[in-house]
């Protein structure tokens, strides 16, 4: 439990500094310790959105919504992921 909290806090600190890749790695480590903690998934989804990794962000949000079907952050971030995927599709079509 202590290690989980420490990793999550380190991830949160990286987010505050704009170090999204490092933060995502910390949240991934948290998931190895606890797969049911929704906040690390929504936090990692935020990192993925910032890194334009929309498919990964969507996957994390889908996972959260299977556990908590009314998680507002997961719905919101999944919507942002879908929006990012749509923009990418339009850009690819223009190439």
Protein backbone atom coordinates (compact mmCIF):
# COMPACT_ATOMS: atom_id res chain seq x y z
CA UNK A 1 0.00 0.00 0.00
CA UNK A 2 2.80 2.42 0.89
CA UNK A 3 4.69 1.73 -2.35
CA UNK A 4 1.47 2.28 -4.31
CA UNK A 5 0.88 5.66 -2.66
CA UNK A 6 4.48 6.71 -3.21
CA UNK A 7 4.39 5.80 -6.91
CA UNK A 8 1.04 7.53 -7.38
CA UNK A 9 2.34 10.69 -5.70
CA UNK A 10 5.48 10.61 -7.86
CA UNK A 11 3.25 10.29 -10.91
CA UNK A 12 1.16 13.25 -9.75
CA UNK A 13 4.32 15.31 -9.27
CA UNK A 14 5.48 14.48 -12.80
CA UNK A 15 2.09 15.60 -14.16
CA UNK A 16 2.42 18.93 -12.35
CA UNK A 17 5.83 19.39 -14.01
CA UNK A 18 4.45 18.47 -17.43
CA UNK A 19 6.52 15.26 -17.55
CA UNK A 20 3.70 13.10 -18.92
CA UNK A 21 5.80 10.17 -20.15
CA UNK A 22 7.40 9.74 -16.71
CA UNK A 23 4.04 10.16 -14.98
CA UNK A 24 2.44 7.49 -17.20
CA UNK A 25 5.28 5.12 -16.28
CA UNK A 26 4.67 5.69 -12.55
CA UNK A 27 0.93 5.07 -12.95
CA UNK A 28 1.71 1.89 -14.90
CA UNK A 29 3.84 0.70 -11.98
CA UNK A 30 0.90 1.44 -9.66
CA UNK A 31 -1.32 -0.78 -11.80
CA UNK A 32 1.01 -3.73 -11.24
CA UNK A 33 0.28 -3.37 -7.51
CA UNK A 34 -3.47 -2.64 -7.78
CA UNK A 35 -5.57 -3.09 -10.93
CA UNK A 36 -8.79 -1.90 -9.30
CA UNK A 37 -7.71 1.66 -8.37
CA UNK A 38 -9.53 3.81 -10.93
CA UNK A 39 -7.69 7.07 -10.28
CA UNK A 40 -4.39 5.75 -11.64
CA UNK A 41 -6.15 4.77 -14.87
CA UNK A 42 -7.82 8.15 -15.30
CA UNK A 43 -4.53 9.85 -14.42
CA UNK A 44 -2.63 7.76 -16.97
CA UNK A 45 -5.36 8.51 -19.51
CA UNK A 46 -4.69 12.21 -18.96
CA UNK A 47 -0.99 11.62 -19.63
CA UNK A 48 -1.78 9.69 -22.80
CA UNK A 49 -4.04 12.51 -24.00
CA UNK A 50 -1.21 15.00 -23.46
CA UNK A 51 1.10 12.67 -25.42
CA UNK A 52 -1.48 12.30 -28.27
CA UNK A 53 -1.81 8.58 -27.48
CA UNK A 54 -5.57 8.57 -27.92
CA UNK A 55 -6.06 4.82 -28.34
CA UNK A 56 -4.23 4.14 -25.07
CA UNK A 57 -6.20 6.86 -23.28
CA UNK A 58 -9.47 5.39 -24.53
CA UNK A 59 -8.42 1.91 -23.34
CA UNK A 60 -7.67 3.19 -19.82
CA UNK A 61 -11.02 4.98 -19.66
CA UNK A 62 -12.87 1.90 -20.92
CA UNK A 63 -11.22 -0.10 -18.13
CA UNK A 64 -12.35 2.39 -15.48
CA UNK A 65 -15.91 2.44 -16.82
CA UNK A 66 -16.09 -1.35 -16.50
CA UNK A 67 -15.33 -0.95 -12.79
CA UNK A 68 -17.16 2.35 -12.13
CA UNK A 69 -19.81 2.91 -14.78
CA UNK A 70 -20.46 6.49 -13.68
CA UNK A 71 -16.88 7.79 -13.40
CA UNK A 72 -17.12 11.33 -14.78
CA UNK A 73 -13.38 11.76 -15.40
CA UNK A 74 -13.30 8.53 -17.38
CA UNK A 75 -16.27 9.64 -19.53
CA UNK A 76 -14.74 13.06 -20.11
CA UNK A 77 -11.26 11.80 -20.96
CA UNK A 78 -12.65 9.07 -23.18
CA UNK A 79 -14.59 11.74 -25.07
CA UNK A 80 -11.35 13.70 -25.52
CA UNK A 81 -9.66 10.51 -26.76
CA UNK A 82 -12.44 9.92 -29.31
CA UNK A 83 -12.13 13.53 -30.43
CA UNK A 84 -8.37 13.10 -30.87
CA UNK A 85 -8.87 9.90 -32.85
CA UNK A 86 -11.41 11.63 -35.14
CA UNK A 87 -9.04 14.55 -35.80
CA UNK A 88 -6.23 12.10 -36.56
CA UNK A 89 -8.48 10.18 -38.98
CA UNK A 90 -9.40 13.40 -40.82
CA UNK A 91 -5.74 14.42 -41.04
CA UNK A 92 -4.76 10.99 -42.39
CA UNK A 93 -7.52 11.21 -45.00
CA UNK A 94 -6.08 14.53 -46.18
CA UNK A 95 -2.61 13.07 -46.78
